[in-house]
């Protein structure tokens, strides 16, 4: 079952997330250039800045260091 969410991955980093029908994305490659990866489940819903590889899927970045 499709989640209907896709993440654009550029150089291994997510830079956009959209909601679209999978058939629409596949039928309109000119509207969706670059590498769009379907979000496999909502437990791993990515955000901008997450990394993606075929081996590991979506991986959340580590939290930033906070200097006080």
Protein backbone atom coordinates (compact mmCIF):
# COMPACT_ATOMS: atom_id res chain seq x y z
CA UNK A 1 0.00 0.00 0.00
CA UNK A 2 1.32 3.41 -0.96
CA UNK A 3 1.71 6.23 1.53
CA UNK A 4 1.39 8.79 -1.27
CA UNK A 5 4.42 10.73 0.00
CA UNK A 6 7.60 11.24 -2.00
CA UNK A 7 10.92 12.75 -1.01
CA UNK A 8 13.25 14.39 -3.52
CA UNK A 9 16.80 13.20 -2.84
CA UNK A 10 19.71 15.26 -4.17
CA UNK A 11 23.23 13.98 -3.44
CA UNK A 12 21.82 11.68 -0.76
CA UNK A 13 19.99 14.47 1.12
CA UNK A 14 16.21 15.03 1.22
CA UNK A 15 15.40 18.56 0.07
CA UNK A 16 11.64 18.31 -0.51
CA UNK A 17 8.69 16.12 0.49
CA UNK A 18 5.37 16.09 -1.38
CA UNK A 19 2.05 14.23 -1.39
CA UNK A 20 1.08 12.83 -4.78
CA UNK A 21 -0.47 9.76 -6.34
CA UNK A 22 2.30 7.33 -7.37
CA UNK A 23 0.74 6.88 -10.82
CA UNK A 24 0.85 10.66 -11.36
CA UNK A 25 4.52 10.88 -10.42
CA UNK A 26 5.42 7.99 -12.73
CA UNK A 27 3.31 9.32 -15.60
CA UNK A 28 4.79 12.85 -15.44
CA UNK A 29 8.59 12.61 -15.22
CA UNK A 30 8.97 16.13 -16.62
CA UNK A 31 7.14 17.48 -13.56
CA UNK A 32 9.27 15.41 -11.20
CA UNK A 33 12.88 15.61 -12.37
CA UNK A 34 15.69 14.39 -10.16
CA UNK A 35 15.39 11.42 -7.83
CA UNK A 36 12.00 11.07 -6.10
CA UNK A 37 11.80 8.25 -3.57
CA UNK A 38 8.48 7.00 -2.25
CA UNK A 39 8.19 7.13 1.54
CA UNK A 40 7.65 3.45 2.44
CA UNK A 41 5.77 3.98 5.70
CA UNK A 42 4.74 6.77 8.00
CA UNK A 43 6.98 5.47 10.80
CA UNK A 44 9.96 6.73 8.78
CA UNK A 45 8.48 9.93 7.36
CA UNK A 46 11.52 12.00 6.33
CA UNK A 47 12.10 15.69 6.73
CA UNK A 48 14.34 18.07 4.85
CA UNK A 49 17.95 17.31 5.73
CA UNK A 50 17.46 13.58 6.27
CA UNK A 51 19.77 11.27 4.32
CA UNK A 52 18.70 8.45 2.03
CA UNK A 53 20.51 5.45 0.58
CA UNK A 54 19.17 2.29 -1.01
CA UNK A 55 20.83 0.26 1.73
CA UNK A 56 19.62 2.24 4.76
CA UNK A 57 16.55 4.07 3.49
CA UNK A 58 15.72 7.35 5.23
CA UNK A 59 17.92 8.27 8.19
CA UNK A 60 17.32 11.21 10.51
CA UNK A 61 20.32 13.52 10.97
CA UNK A 62 21.93 13.68 14.40
CA UNK A 63 20.72 16.49 16.66
CA UNK A 64 22.76 19.68 16.43
CA UNK A 65 25.35 20.49 19.05
CA UNK A 66 24.03 23.22 21.32
CA UNK A 67 26.59 25.58 22.74
CA UNK A 68 25.48 27.50 25.79
